[in-house]
Every structure is written in C-alpha cells, then in structure tokens.
Amino acid sequence: MFNMADECPRLVLRSRRARALMAMPFAISIPREPPISILIARELFNDLKLRVLTTVGDVVTNNVASHWRNPDLSIVDLNTRRGEQVQQRFINDTVYRVRNERGTLSDEAFNTVKRAYGTVLMGGRATIIVDGEEDLLAIPAVLEAPGNTGVLYGLYTGYLVLIPVVNEYKLLMLKLLTLLDQDECETLRNSHSINNNGWENSKPVRED
C-alpha cells in the first residue's frame, strides 16, 4: 500500500478568482444529464481515437461504469460534493491511496497518479482512493497521462467535461497550477516536459 509522507509539499487553492476559473467548463463540455452525457462522451472518445479512459469524481465514475465501461483509471474519494457517501459500482484490481486535503494538490498526488498510469500502461486498470478531496487531481490526471487518453470529470454547474490529452491542454493545466499558492516550482519540476514526440509517458511501475 502506498503511504503519503506528511512532509510532502502541496499547492493550495485560496483565491475566489482561482476557484471561479477552476469551475469554468473548457475543452469539450457537455451540458447534458446522464446517461445522455455519457453516451455523447463515448461517441466523442471513439471519434478522437482515444484509448485510455480516466474518470475523476465518484458520480462521474459510477455513471461511466453504468452506461459505458469501466475506466482504465478512476480517481474517487467515496463522497459527493454534498458530503454524501458513495458506494462505488466497481473498484479496479490495483488500488492506490493518497491523502489530499480539500482545496489542495499535494506533490504526492502527482506521484500517485504517475504510478497508477504505470499500471495502465502495463495493461491493467487502477483506482486511486483519495483521503480528502479528489477534485484537483484532474490536473495531474491530464499532466501525467499517456497519449490517446481522455479525462472525464464533472462540474457542479452541470457540465461533463472531456479533455483529450494533447499538448495544448497540458499547457493549460500547467497554467492552472500558477493559480495555486506555494510550492508550485517543486511540483512543476516533477511534472513532465514537452519533447519533439509530444509528452513523455509515465514509465510502468512494478508493484510488489
């Protein structure tokens, strides 16, 4: 089991402006309720020839599992925005756990997402269970993703958002990191950089 060190650096979401920007729909935003939103996302995912499906959030993960297929990587905290506990319809065979407090993004969250994608690249499926809140993990879910990945998450405003992982959206996620306070240089050093072939994939990690 993966344990987070208490001294791990973290980013903190403080300003109202930053929160407002984080809540804005971008990329491919689908203003529909499930199951229609999920079916639209599935069609777009296939049209874009994406292969790896990542979901962030309990409700989105359940809806995708019910109306489409099991995600390759799911990131959940087993709670909804209203604080209600969620019974997940499935948990992948490989489970990672990480602590990430509400309104923060820990350095260890990046490392855990990277390790989980390593499992996916080896042909497995992974679930990250967050002790705290998983919302901001959509950022490392995009930054650490291999090519041909689609990241799905929901906004409280009612949008389902699909992000095809391409360089432009990775750069946007890096810009979103600048809205967070403290330790951003440390996190940016640990994230991937662009090369001539696009973004470097996470290397597979063998679990003991």
N, C-alpha and C. Protein backbone atom coordinates (compact mmCIF):
# COMPACT_ATOMS: atom_id res chain seq x y z
N MET A 1 0.85 -1.20 0.00
CA MET A 1 0.00 0.00 0.00
C MET A 1 0.88 1.24 0.00
N PHE A 2 0.46 2.25 -0.71
CA PHE A 2 1.24 3.47 -0.85
C PHE A 2 0.86 4.45 0.23
N ASN A 3 1.83 4.93 0.99
CA ASN A 3 1.56 5.88 2.06
C ASN A 3 2.18 7.22 1.74
N MET A 4 1.45 8.27 2.00
CA MET A 4 1.94 9.61 1.74
C MET A 4 2.70 10.13 2.95
N ALA A 5 3.86 10.71 2.70
CA ALA A 5 4.64 11.31 3.78
C ALA A 5 4.00 12.63 4.19
N ASP A 6 3.97 12.89 5.49
CA ASP A 6 3.31 14.09 6.00
C ASP A 6 3.98 15.37 5.52
N GLU A 7 5.29 15.29 5.21
CA GLU A 7 6.01 16.49 4.86
C GLU A 7 5.93 16.83 3.37
N CYS A 8 5.14 16.08 2.58
CA CYS A 8 5.07 16.33 1.15
C CYS A 8 4.61 17.76 0.89
N PRO A 9 5.25 18.48 -0.06
CA PRO A 9 4.79 19.83 -0.40
C PRO A 9 3.43 19.77 -1.07
N ARG A 10 2.72 20.88 -1.05
CA ARG A 10 1.40 20.91 -1.68
C ARG A 10 1.11 22.29 -2.20
N LEU A 11 0.18 22.36 -3.14
CA LEU A 11 -0.35 23.60 -3.65
C LEU A 11 -1.70 23.83 -3.00
N VAL A 12 -2.05 25.10 -2.81
CA VAL A 12 -3.29 25.43 -2.11
C VAL A 12 -4.12 26.38 -2.97
N LEU A 13 -5.41 26.06 -3.11
CA LEU A 13 -6.35 26.89 -3.86
C LEU A 13 -7.03 27.83 -2.87
N ARG A 14 -6.70 29.14 -2.95
CA ARG A 14 -7.20 30.08 -1.95
C ARG A 14 -8.13 31.15 -2.54
N SER A 15 -7.73 31.78 -3.64
CA SER A 15 -8.45 32.96 -4.10
C SER A 15 -9.78 32.60 -4.76
N ARG A 16 -10.75 33.52 -4.64
CA ARG A 16 -12.05 33.31 -5.27
C ARG A 16 -11.91 33.28 -6.79
N ARG A 17 -11.02 34.11 -7.32
CA ARG A 17 -10.80 34.13 -8.77
C ARG A 17 -10.30 32.77 -9.25
N ALA A 18 -9.37 32.20 -8.51
CA ALA A 18 -8.84 30.89 -8.90
C ALA A 18 -9.94 29.84 -8.86
N ARG A 19 -10.77 29.87 -7.82
CA ARG A 19 -11.86 28.89 -7.71
C ARG A 19 -12.84 29.05 -8.87
N ALA A 20 -13.12 30.30 -9.24
CA ALA A 20 -14.05 30.55 -10.34
C ALA A 20 -13.50 30.00 -11.65
N LEU A 21 -12.20 30.21 -11.88
CA LEU A 21 -11.59 29.71 -13.11
C LEU A 21 -11.56 28.19 -13.15
N MET A 22 -11.31 27.58 -11.98
CA MET A 22 -11.29 26.12 -11.93
C MET A 22 -12.66 25.53 -12.25
N ALA A 23 -13.72 26.29 -11.97
CA ALA A 23 -15.09 25.79 -12.18
C ALA A 23 -15.61 26.06 -13.58
N MET A 24 -14.82 26.75 -14.41
CA MET A 24 -15.27 27.07 -15.76
C MET A 24 -15.15 25.85 -16.67
N PRO A 25 -16.17 25.59 -17.48
CA PRO A 25 -16.08 24.49 -18.44
C PRO A 25 -15.15 24.85 -19.59
N PHE A 26 -14.28 23.94 -19.98
CA PHE A 26 -13.44 24.15 -21.15
C PHE A 26 -13.21 22.79 -21.80
N ALA A 27 -12.30 22.74 -22.78
CA ALA A 27 -12.12 21.52 -23.57
C ALA A 27 -13.47 21.17 -24.19
N ILE A 28 -13.91 19.93 -24.07
CA ILE A 28 -15.21 19.52 -24.61
C ILE A 28 -16.19 19.43 -23.45
N SER A 29 -17.09 20.39 -23.36
CA SER A 29 -18.04 20.47 -22.25
C SER A 29 -19.42 20.04 -22.73
N ILE A 30 -20.02 19.11 -22.00
CA ILE A 30 -21.29 18.51 -22.41
C ILE A 30 -22.37 18.90 -21.41
N PRO A 31 -23.29 19.81 -21.77
CA PRO A 31 -24.32 20.28 -20.84
C PRO A 31 -25.56 19.39 -20.84
N ARG A 32 -25.37 18.13 -20.53
CA ARG A 32 -26.48 17.18 -20.51
C ARG A 32 -26.40 16.33 -19.25
N GLU A 33 -27.54 15.74 -18.87
CA GLU A 33 -27.57 14.82 -17.74
C GLU A 33 -27.25 13.40 -18.22
N PRO A 34 -26.75 12.55 -17.30
CA PRO A 34 -26.56 11.15 -17.68
C PRO A 34 -27.94 10.47 -17.83
N PRO A 35 -28.05 9.47 -18.69
CA PRO A 35 -26.95 8.82 -19.42
C PRO A 35 -26.59 9.49 -20.74
N ILE A 36 -27.35 10.53 -21.16
CA ILE A 36 -27.08 11.15 -22.45
C ILE A 36 -25.67 11.73 -22.49
N SER A 37 -25.24 12.39 -21.42
CA SER A 37 -23.90 12.99 -21.39
C SER A 37 -22.82 11.93 -21.56
N ILE A 38 -23.02 10.77 -20.94
CA ILE A 38 -22.03 9.69 -21.03
C ILE A 38 -22.00 9.13 -22.45
N LEU A 39 -23.15 8.98 -23.07
CA LEU A 39 -23.21 8.45 -24.43
C LEU A 39 -22.56 9.41 -25.42
N ILE A 40 -22.75 10.72 -25.21
CA ILE A 40 -22.08 11.71 -26.06
C ILE A 40 -20.57 11.63 -25.87
N ALA A 41 -20.14 11.53 -24.61
CA ALA A 41 -18.71 11.43 -24.32
C ALA A 41 -18.11 10.19 -24.97
N ARG A 42 -18.84 9.09 -24.92
CA ARG A 42 -18.35 7.85 -25.55
C ARG A 42 -18.16 8.03 -27.05
N GLU A 43 -19.13 8.67 -27.69
CA GLU A 43 -19.03 8.88 -29.14
C GLU A 43 -17.83 9.77 -29.48
N LEU A 44 -17.65 10.84 -28.70
CA LEU A 44 -16.51 11.74 -28.94
C LEU A 44 -15.19 11.03 -28.68
N PHE A 45 -15.13 10.25 -27.62
CA PHE A 45 -13.94 9.47 -27.27
C PHE A 45 -13.54 8.57 -28.43
N ASN A 46 -14.51 7.89 -29.00
CA ASN A 46 -14.23 6.99 -30.12
C ASN A 46 -13.85 7.75 -31.38
N ASP A 47 -14.54 8.87 -31.64
CA ASP A 47 -14.24 9.68 -32.83
C ASP A 47 -12.81 10.22 -32.79
N LEU A 48 -12.34 10.56 -31.58
CA LEU A 48 -10.99 11.10 -31.41
C LEU A 48 -9.93 10.00 -31.34
N LYS A 49 -10.38 8.74 -31.42
CA LYS A 49 -9.48 7.58 -31.38
C LYS A 49 -8.66 7.54 -30.09
N LEU A 50 -9.32 7.87 -28.99
CA LEU A 50 -8.68 7.77 -27.69
C LEU A 50 -8.77 6.33 -27.20
N ARG A 51 -7.85 5.94 -26.33
CA ARG A 51 -7.81 4.56 -25.86
C ARG A 51 -7.93 4.46 -24.34
N VAL A 52 -7.21 5.31 -23.63
CA VAL A 52 -7.19 5.24 -22.17
C VAL A 52 -8.28 6.16 -21.62
N LEU A 53 -9.15 5.60 -20.78
CA LEU A 53 -10.26 6.37 -20.20
C LEU A 53 -9.99 6.60 -18.72
N THR A 54 -9.91 7.88 -18.34
CA THR A 54 -9.69 8.26 -16.94
C THR A 54 -10.90 9.05 -16.45
N THR A 55 -11.40 8.72 -15.27
CA THR A 55 -12.50 9.47 -14.67
C THR A 55 -12.05 10.05 -13.34
N VAL A 56 -12.50 11.26 -13.06
CA VAL A 56 -12.21 11.93 -11.79
C VAL A 56 -13.53 12.29 -11.14
N GLY A 57 -13.79 11.74 -9.96
CA GLY A 57 -15.04 12.02 -9.26
C GLY A 57 -15.91 10.78 -9.14
N ASP A 58 -16.60 10.67 -8.01
CA ASP A 58 -17.38 9.47 -7.72
C ASP A 58 -18.61 9.33 -8.61
N VAL A 59 -19.35 10.42 -8.79
CA VAL A 59 -20.57 10.35 -9.58
C VAL A 59 -20.25 10.05 -11.04
N VAL A 60 -19.26 10.75 -11.59
CA VAL A 60 -18.86 10.51 -12.98
C VAL A 60 -18.39 9.08 -13.16
N THR A 61 -17.58 8.59 -12.23
CA THR A 61 -17.07 7.22 -12.33
C THR A 61 -18.21 6.21 -12.33
N ASN A 62 -19.17 6.38 -11.42
CA ASN A 62 -20.32 5.47 -11.38
C ASN A 62 -21.14 5.53 -12.67
N ASN A 63 -21.36 6.75 -13.17
CA ASN A 63 -22.16 6.89 -14.39
C ASN A 63 -21.46 6.27 -15.59
N VAL A 64 -20.14 6.45 -15.68
CA VAL A 64 -19.39 5.85 -16.78
C VAL A 64 -19.43 4.33 -16.69
N ALA A 65 -19.26 3.80 -15.48
CA ALA A 65 -19.30 2.34 -15.30
C ALA A 65 -20.68 1.78 -15.62
N SER A 66 -21.73 2.54 -15.33
CA SER A 66 -23.10 2.07 -15.55
C SER A 66 -23.52 2.14 -17.02
N HIS A 67 -23.11 3.21 -17.71
CA HIS A 67 -23.63 3.48 -19.04
C HIS A 67 -22.61 3.32 -20.16
N TRP A 68 -21.37 2.95 -19.80
CA TRP A 68 -20.34 2.82 -20.83
C TRP A 68 -19.47 1.62 -20.51
N ARG A 69 -18.37 1.86 -19.80
CA ARG A 69 -17.46 0.77 -19.44
C ARG A 69 -16.66 1.17 -18.22
N ASN A 70 -15.92 0.22 -17.66
CA ASN A 70 -15.07 0.53 -16.52
C ASN A 70 -13.90 1.39 -16.98
N PRO A 71 -13.61 2.48 -16.28
CA PRO A 71 -12.47 3.31 -16.65
C PRO A 71 -11.15 2.55 -16.46
N ASP A 72 -10.15 2.95 -17.24
CA ASP A 72 -8.81 2.40 -17.03
C ASP A 72 -8.20 2.94 -15.74
N LEU A 73 -8.46 4.21 -15.46
CA LEU A 73 -8.05 4.83 -14.20
C LEU A 73 -9.21 5.63 -13.65
N SER A 74 -9.60 5.36 -12.42
CA SER A 74 -10.63 6.15 -11.75
C SER A 74 -10.04 6.77 -10.50
N ILE A 75 -10.41 8.02 -10.25
CA ILE A 75 -9.93 8.76 -9.07
C ILE A 75 -11.15 9.19 -8.28
N VAL A 76 -11.30 8.68 -7.07
CA VAL A 76 -12.50 8.91 -6.27
C VAL A 76 -12.12 9.20 -4.82
N ASP A 77 -13.07 9.80 -4.09
CA ASP A 77 -12.87 9.96 -2.64
C ASP A 77 -14.01 9.34 -1.84
N LEU A 78 -14.93 8.66 -2.55
CA LEU A 78 -16.07 7.96 -1.95
C LEU A 78 -17.05 8.90 -1.27
N ASN A 79 -17.06 10.16 -1.72
CA ASN A 79 -18.02 11.15 -1.25
C ASN A 79 -18.46 12.02 -2.41
N THR A 80 -19.63 12.66 -2.28
CA THR A 80 -20.07 13.65 -3.25
C THR A 80 -19.75 15.03 -2.72
N ARG A 81 -19.99 16.05 -3.58
CA ARG A 81 -19.75 17.43 -3.17
C ARG A 81 -20.59 17.80 -1.94
N ARG A 82 -21.76 17.17 -1.79
CA ARG A 82 -22.63 17.46 -0.65
C ARG A 82 -22.23 16.67 0.59
N GLY A 83 -21.15 15.91 0.50
CA GLY A 83 -20.67 15.16 1.65
C GLY A 83 -21.31 13.81 1.82
N GLU A 84 -22.15 13.41 0.84
CA GLU A 84 -22.80 12.10 0.93
C GLU A 84 -21.83 11.00 0.52
N GLN A 85 -21.86 9.89 1.24
CA GLN A 85 -21.01 8.77 0.88
C GLN A 85 -21.53 8.10 -0.38
N VAL A 86 -20.60 7.62 -1.21
CA VAL A 86 -20.94 6.98 -2.48
C VAL A 86 -20.47 5.54 -2.46
N GLN A 87 -21.37 4.63 -2.84
CA GLN A 87 -20.99 3.23 -3.00
C GLN A 87 -20.54 3.03 -4.44
N GLN A 88 -19.25 2.82 -4.64
CA GLN A 88 -18.74 2.64 -5.99
C GLN A 88 -19.23 1.32 -6.58
N ARG A 89 -19.65 1.36 -7.84
CA ARG A 89 -20.13 0.16 -8.51
C ARG A 89 -18.99 -0.81 -8.80
N PHE A 90 -17.78 -0.29 -8.84
CA PHE A 90 -16.64 -1.17 -9.05
C PHE A 90 -15.40 -0.47 -8.51
N ILE A 91 -14.42 -1.27 -8.13
CA ILE A 91 -13.09 -0.78 -7.78
C ILE A 91 -12.11 -1.65 -8.56
N ASN A 92 -11.18 -1.02 -9.26
CA ASN A 92 -10.22 -1.79 -10.06
C ASN A 92 -9.33 -2.65 -9.18
N ASP A 93 -8.71 -3.64 -9.80
CA ASP A 93 -7.88 -4.59 -9.05
C ASP A 93 -6.72 -3.92 -8.34
N THR A 94 -6.08 -2.95 -9.00
CA THR A 94 -4.95 -2.23 -8.40
C THR A 94 -5.46 -0.94 -7.78
N VAL A 95 -5.28 -0.81 -6.48
CA VAL A 95 -5.80 0.35 -5.75
C VAL A 95 -4.63 1.11 -5.12
N TYR A 96 -4.63 2.42 -5.34
CA TYR A 96 -3.67 3.31 -4.71
C TYR A 96 -4.44 4.21 -3.75
N ARG A 97 -3.79 4.60 -2.67
CA ARG A 97 -4.40 5.52 -1.71
C ARG A 97 -3.47 6.70 -1.50
N VAL A 98 -4.05 7.88 -1.40
CA VAL A 98 -3.26 9.08 -1.18
C VAL A 98 -4.09 10.07 -0.37
N ARG A 99 -3.44 10.82 0.48
CA ARG A 99 -4.13 11.88 1.23
C ARG A 99 -3.98 13.19 0.48
N ASN A 100 -5.10 13.87 0.27
CA ASN A 100 -5.09 15.16 -0.42
C ASN A 100 -6.23 16.00 0.13
N GLU A 101 -5.91 16.98 0.95
CA GLU A 101 -6.94 17.76 1.63
C GLU A 101 -7.71 18.63 0.65
N ARG A 102 -8.90 19.01 1.06
CA ARG A 102 -9.78 19.83 0.22
C ARG A 102 -9.09 21.13 -0.19
N GLY A 103 -9.22 21.47 -1.48
CA GLY A 103 -8.66 22.72 -1.97
C GLY A 103 -7.15 22.71 -2.09
N THR A 104 -6.54 21.52 -2.07
CA THR A 104 -5.09 21.42 -2.19
C THR A 104 -4.73 20.40 -3.26
N LEU A 105 -3.47 20.43 -3.64
CA LEU A 105 -2.94 19.45 -4.58
C LEU A 105 -1.53 19.09 -4.11
N SER A 106 -1.39 17.91 -3.54
CA SER A 106 -0.12 17.51 -2.95
C SER A 106 0.84 16.99 -4.01
N ASP A 107 2.13 17.15 -3.72
CA ASP A 107 3.15 16.59 -4.59
C ASP A 107 2.97 15.08 -4.71
N GLU A 108 2.56 14.45 -3.61
CA GLU A 108 2.37 13.01 -3.62
C GLU A 108 1.20 12.60 -4.51
N ALA A 109 0.24 13.50 -4.70
CA ALA A 109 -0.86 13.21 -5.62
C ALA A 109 -0.33 13.02 -7.03
N PHE A 110 0.61 13.88 -7.44
CA PHE A 110 1.23 13.72 -8.75
C PHE A 110 1.92 12.37 -8.86
N ASN A 111 2.69 12.01 -7.83
CA ASN A 111 3.43 10.75 -7.86
C ASN A 111 2.48 9.55 -7.93
N THR A 112 1.38 9.63 -7.20
CA THR A 112 0.42 8.52 -7.19
C THR A 112 -0.26 8.37 -8.54
N VAL A 113 -0.65 9.49 -9.15
CA VAL A 113 -1.26 9.42 -10.48
C VAL A 113 -0.27 8.83 -11.48
N LYS A 114 0.99 9.24 -11.38
CA LYS A 114 2.01 8.71 -12.29
C LYS A 114 2.14 7.19 -12.13
N ARG A 115 2.15 6.73 -10.90
CA ARG A 115 2.26 5.28 -10.65
C ARG A 115 1.04 4.54 -11.18
N ALA A 116 -0.12 5.13 -11.00
CA ALA A 116 -1.35 4.49 -11.48
C ALA A 116 -1.36 4.37 -13.00
N TYR A 117 -0.89 5.41 -13.68
CA TYR A 117 -0.79 5.32 -15.14
C TYR A 117 0.23 4.26 -15.55
N GLY A 118 1.25 4.04 -14.72
CA GLY A 118 2.18 2.96 -14.99
C GLY A 118 1.48 1.62 -15.03
N THR A 119 0.55 1.42 -14.11
CA THR A 119 -0.25 0.19 -14.11
C THR A 119 -1.08 0.08 -15.39
N VAL A 120 -1.67 1.19 -15.80
CA VAL A 120 -2.49 1.19 -17.02
C VAL A 120 -1.63 0.86 -18.24
N LEU A 121 -0.42 1.43 -18.30
CA LEU A 121 0.45 1.18 -19.45
C LEU A 121 0.89 -0.27 -19.53
N MET A 122 0.84 -0.97 -18.40
CA MET A 122 1.18 -2.40 -18.40
C MET A 122 -0.04 -3.27 -18.69
N GLY A 123 -1.17 -2.63 -19.03
CA GLY A 123 -2.35 -3.40 -19.40
C GLY A 123 -3.35 -3.61 -18.28
N GLY A 124 -3.12 -3.00 -17.12
CA GLY A 124 -4.04 -3.15 -16.01
C GLY A 124 -4.98 -1.97 -15.88
N ARG A 125 -5.83 -2.03 -14.87
CA ARG A 125 -6.70 -0.91 -14.52
C ARG A 125 -6.43 -0.53 -13.07
N ALA A 126 -6.56 0.75 -12.75
CA ALA A 126 -6.22 1.22 -11.41
C ALA A 126 -7.29 2.17 -10.89
N THR A 127 -7.44 2.18 -9.58
CA THR A 127 -8.29 3.14 -8.88
C THR A 127 -7.45 3.85 -7.83
N ILE A 128 -7.57 5.17 -7.78
CA ILE A 128 -6.95 5.96 -6.71
C ILE A 128 -8.05 6.40 -5.76
N ILE A 129 -7.95 5.99 -4.51
CA ILE A 129 -8.90 6.42 -3.48
C ILE A 129 -8.24 7.53 -2.67
N VAL A 130 -8.87 8.69 -2.68
CA VAL A 130 -8.30 9.87 -2.05
C VAL A 130 -8.90 10.05 -0.67
N ASP A 131 -8.05 10.18 0.31
CA ASP A 131 -8.47 10.55 1.66
C ASP A 131 -8.48 12.07 1.70
N GLY A 132 -9.65 12.67 1.55
CA GLY A 132 -9.76 14.12 1.47
C GLY A 132 -10.68 14.48 0.32
N GLU A 133 -10.12 15.11 -0.72
CA GLU A 133 -10.93 15.53 -1.87
C GLU A 133 -10.14 15.31 -3.15
N GLU A 134 -10.83 14.81 -4.17
CA GLU A 134 -10.14 14.42 -5.40
C GLU A 134 -10.24 15.44 -6.53
N ASP A 135 -11.03 16.51 -6.35
CA ASP A 135 -11.35 17.41 -7.46
C ASP A 135 -10.12 17.88 -8.24
N LEU A 136 -9.12 18.41 -7.53
CA LEU A 136 -7.96 18.99 -8.20
C LEU A 136 -7.04 17.96 -8.83
N LEU A 137 -7.28 16.68 -8.54
CA LEU A 137 -6.45 15.65 -9.17
C LEU A 137 -6.73 15.51 -10.66
N ALA A 138 -7.73 16.23 -11.16
CA ALA A 138 -7.92 16.29 -12.61
C ALA A 138 -6.70 16.91 -13.28
N ILE A 139 -5.98 17.79 -12.57
CA ILE A 139 -4.79 18.43 -13.14
C ILE A 139 -3.69 17.41 -13.38
N PRO A 140 -3.22 16.67 -12.35
CA PRO A 140 -2.21 15.64 -12.65
C PRO A 140 -2.75 14.51 -13.53
N ALA A 141 -4.07 14.28 -13.50
CA ALA A 141 -4.63 13.24 -14.37
C ALA A 141 -4.40 13.58 -15.84
N VAL A 142 -4.37 14.86 -16.17
CA VAL A 142 -4.06 15.29 -17.54
C VAL A 142 -2.55 15.37 -17.75
N LEU A 143 -1.84 16.00 -16.81
CA LEU A 143 -0.41 16.22 -16.99
C LEU A 143 0.39 14.93 -17.05
N GLU A 144 -0.01 13.92 -16.30
CA GLU A 144 0.75 12.67 -16.23
C GLU A 144 0.25 11.61 -17.21
N ALA A 145 -0.78 11.94 -17.98
CA ALA A 145 -1.42 10.92 -18.83
C ALA A 145 -0.58 10.58 -20.05
N PRO A 146 -0.61 9.31 -20.46
CA PRO A 146 -0.01 8.94 -21.74
C PRO A 146 -0.86 9.45 -22.89
N GLY A 147 -0.30 9.38 -24.10
CA GLY A 147 -1.06 9.81 -25.27
C GLY A 147 -2.30 8.96 -25.46
N ASN A 148 -3.24 9.49 -26.22
CA ASN A 148 -4.51 8.80 -26.51
C ASN A 148 -5.36 8.58 -25.26
N THR A 149 -5.22 9.49 -24.28
CA THR A 149 -6.03 9.43 -23.07
C THR A 149 -7.14 10.47 -23.13
N GLY A 150 -8.31 10.11 -22.62
CA GLY A 150 -9.39 11.06 -22.41
C GLY A 150 -9.71 11.13 -20.93
N VAL A 151 -9.71 12.33 -20.37
CA VAL A 151 -10.00 12.52 -18.94
C VAL A 151 -11.40 13.11 -18.81
N LEU A 152 -12.24 12.45 -18.03
CA LEU A 152 -13.62 12.88 -17.81
C LEU A 152 -13.82 13.31 -16.36
N TYR A 153 -14.44 14.47 -16.16
CA TYR A 153 -14.83 14.87 -14.82
C TYR A 153 -16.07 15.75 -14.91
N GLY A 154 -16.75 15.92 -13.79
CA GLY A 154 -17.97 16.70 -13.77
C GLY A 154 -17.78 18.02 -13.03
N LEU A 155 -18.54 19.02 -13.43
CA LEU A 155 -18.56 20.30 -12.73
C LEU A 155 -19.89 20.45 -12.00
N TYR A 156 -19.86 21.15 -10.86
CA TYR A 156 -21.10 21.32 -10.10
C TYR A 156 -22.12 22.15 -10.87
N THR A 157 -21.67 22.86 -11.91
CA THR A 157 -22.58 23.64 -12.74
C THR A 157 -23.37 22.76 -13.71
N GLY A 158 -23.07 21.46 -13.74
CA GLY A 158 -23.85 20.54 -14.54
C GLY A 158 -23.18 20.04 -15.80
N TYR A 159 -21.96 20.50 -16.06
CA TYR A 159 -21.25 20.06 -17.26
C TYR A 159 -20.48 18.77 -17.01
N LEU A 160 -20.46 17.91 -18.01
CA LEU A 160 -19.50 16.81 -18.06
C LEU A 160 -18.39 17.26 -19.00
N VAL A 161 -17.15 17.20 -18.53
CA VAL A 161 -16.01 17.71 -19.30
C VAL A 161 -15.15 16.55 -19.76
N LEU A 162 -14.85 16.52 -21.05
CA LEU A 162 -13.92 15.56 -21.63
C LEU A 162 -12.69 16.31 -22.11
N ILE A 163 -11.52 15.94 -21.58
CA ILE A 163 -10.27 16.54 -22.02
C ILE A 163 -9.46 15.50 -22.80
N PRO A 164 -9.32 15.68 -24.12
CA PRO A 164 -8.39 14.83 -24.86
C PRO A 164 -6.97 15.27 -24.50
N VAL A 165 -6.12 14.35 -24.12
CA VAL A 165 -4.79 14.71 -23.64
C VAL A 165 -3.88 15.00 -24.83
N VAL A 166 -3.74 16.30 -25.11
CA VAL A 166 -2.82 16.79 -26.14
C VAL A 166 -2.00 17.91 -25.50
N ASN A 167 -0.94 18.33 -26.20
CA ASN A 167 -0.02 19.32 -25.62
C ASN A 167 -0.72 20.60 -25.19
N GLU A 168 -1.70 21.06 -25.99
CA GLU A 168 -2.36 22.32 -25.67
C GLU A 168 -3.07 22.27 -24.33
N TYR A 169 -3.73 21.15 -24.02
CA TYR A 169 -4.43 21.05 -22.75
C TYR A 169 -3.47 20.79 -21.59
N LYS A 170 -2.34 20.16 -21.88
CA LYS A 170 -1.33 20.01 -20.82
C LYS A 170 -0.76 21.38 -20.45
N LEU A 171 -0.53 22.22 -21.45
CA LEU A 171 -0.05 23.57 -21.17
C LEU A 171 -1.08 24.36 -20.37
N LEU A 172 -2.36 24.18 -20.70
CA LEU A 172 -3.42 24.85 -19.95
C LEU A 172 -3.41 24.41 -18.50
N MET A 173 -3.22 23.11 -18.25
CA MET A 173 -3.18 22.62 -16.88
C MET A 173 -1.97 23.19 -16.13
N LEU A 174 -0.85 23.34 -16.82
CA LEU A 174 0.31 23.97 -16.19
C LEU A 174 0.00 25.42 -15.80
N LYS A 175 -0.76 26.11 -16.65
CA LYS A 175 -1.14 27.48 -16.33
C LYS A 175 -2.09 27.51 -15.12
N LEU A 176 -2.98 26.52 -15.03
CA LEU A 176 -3.87 26.46 -13.87
C LEU A 176 -3.08 26.28 -12.58
N LEU A 177 -1.95 25.59 -12.67
CA LEU A 177 -1.12 25.40 -11.47
C LEU A 177 -0.62 26.74 -10.93
N THR A 178 -0.42 27.72 -11.81
CA THR A 178 0.08 29.01 -11.34
C THR A 178 -0.96 29.77 -10.52
N LEU A 179 -2.22 29.32 -10.55
CA LEU A 179 -3.26 29.93 -9.73
C LEU A 179 -3.19 29.46 -8.28
N LEU A 180 -2.44 28.40 -8.04
CA LEU A 180 -2.34 27.83 -6.70
C LEU A 180 -1.15 28.42 -5.98
N ASP A 181 -1.25 28.55 -4.68
CA ASP A 181 -0.22 29.19 -3.88
C ASP A 181 0.80 28.20 -3.37
N GLN A 182 2.06 28.63 -3.34
CA GLN A 182 3.15 27.91 -2.67
C GLN A 182 3.55 26.61 -3.37
N ASP A 183 4.83 26.35 -3.32
CA ASP A 183 5.41 25.07 -3.74
C ASP A 183 5.19 24.72 -5.20
N GLU A 184 4.76 25.70 -6.02
CA GLU A 184 4.47 25.35 -7.40
C GLU A 184 5.71 24.97 -8.19
N CYS A 185 6.87 25.57 -7.87
CA CYS A 185 8.10 25.23 -8.58
C CYS A 185 8.48 23.77 -8.33
N GLU A 186 8.28 23.32 -7.08
CA GLU A 186 8.60 21.93 -6.75
C GLU A 186 7.74 20.98 -7.57
N THR A 187 6.45 21.30 -7.68
CA THR A 187 5.56 20.42 -8.43
C THR A 187 5.88 20.46 -9.91
N LEU A 188 6.18 21.64 -10.45
CA LEU A 188 6.49 21.75 -11.86
C LEU A 188 7.75 20.99 -12.22
N ARG A 189 8.72 20.95 -11.31
CA ARG A 189 9.94 20.19 -11.57
C ARG A 189 9.63 18.70 -11.71
N ASN A 190 8.62 18.24 -11.00
CA ASN A 190 8.30 16.82 -11.01
C ASN A 190 7.34 16.44 -12.12
N SER A 191 6.77 17.42 -12.82
CA SER A 191 5.86 17.11 -13.92
C SER A 191 6.67 16.97 -15.20
N HIS A 192 6.05 16.40 -16.24
CA HIS A 192 6.76 16.13 -17.47
C HIS A 192 6.91 17.38 -18.32
N SER A 193 7.90 17.38 -19.20
CA SER A 193 8.11 18.48 -20.13
C SER A 193 7.90 18.00 -21.55
N ILE A 194 7.66 18.95 -22.45
CA ILE A 194 7.38 18.62 -23.84
C ILE A 194 8.67 18.23 -24.55
N ASN A 195 8.60 17.20 -25.37
CA ASN A 195 9.72 16.87 -26.25
C ASN A 195 9.21 16.82 -27.68
N ASN A 196 10.07 16.47 -28.61
CA ASN A 196 9.69 16.50 -30.03
C ASN A 196 8.59 15.52 -30.38
N ASN A 197 8.44 14.50 -29.58
CA ASN A 197 7.43 13.48 -29.85
C ASN A 197 6.17 13.68 -29.02
N GLY A 198 6.00 14.86 -28.43
CA GLY A 198 4.85 15.07 -27.55
C GLY A 198 5.26 14.88 -26.11
N TRP A 199 4.29 14.59 -25.26
CA TRP A 199 4.57 14.47 -23.83
C TRP A 199 5.04 13.08 -23.49
N GLU A 200 6.08 13.02 -22.70
CA GLU A 200 6.64 11.73 -22.27
C GLU A 200 5.62 10.96 -21.45
N ASN A 201 5.48 9.68 -21.74
CA ASN A 201 4.56 8.85 -20.99
C ASN A 201 5.14 8.48 -19.64
N SER A 202 4.27 8.24 -18.66
CA SER A 202 4.73 7.71 -17.39
C SER A 202 5.31 6.33 -17.61
N LYS A 203 6.41 6.04 -16.97
CA LYS A 203 7.02 4.72 -17.09
C LYS A 203 6.26 3.73 -16.21
N PRO A 204 6.08 2.50 -16.70
CA PRO A 204 5.41 1.49 -15.89
C PRO A 204 6.14 1.25 -14.59
N VAL A 205 5.38 1.06 -13.54
CA VAL A 205 5.95 0.79 -12.23
C VAL A 205 5.49 -0.56 -11.77
N ARG A 206 6.41 -1.41 -11.41
CA ARG A 206 6.04 -2.74 -10.94
C ARG A 206 5.67 -2.68 -9.47
N GLU A 207 4.48 -3.19 -9.16
CA GLU A 207 4.02 -3.20 -7.78
C GLU A 207 4.46 -4.49 -7.10
N ASP A 208 4.99 -4.37 -5.89
CA ASP A 208 5.42 -5.55 -5.13
C ASP A 208 4.21 -6.25 -4.53
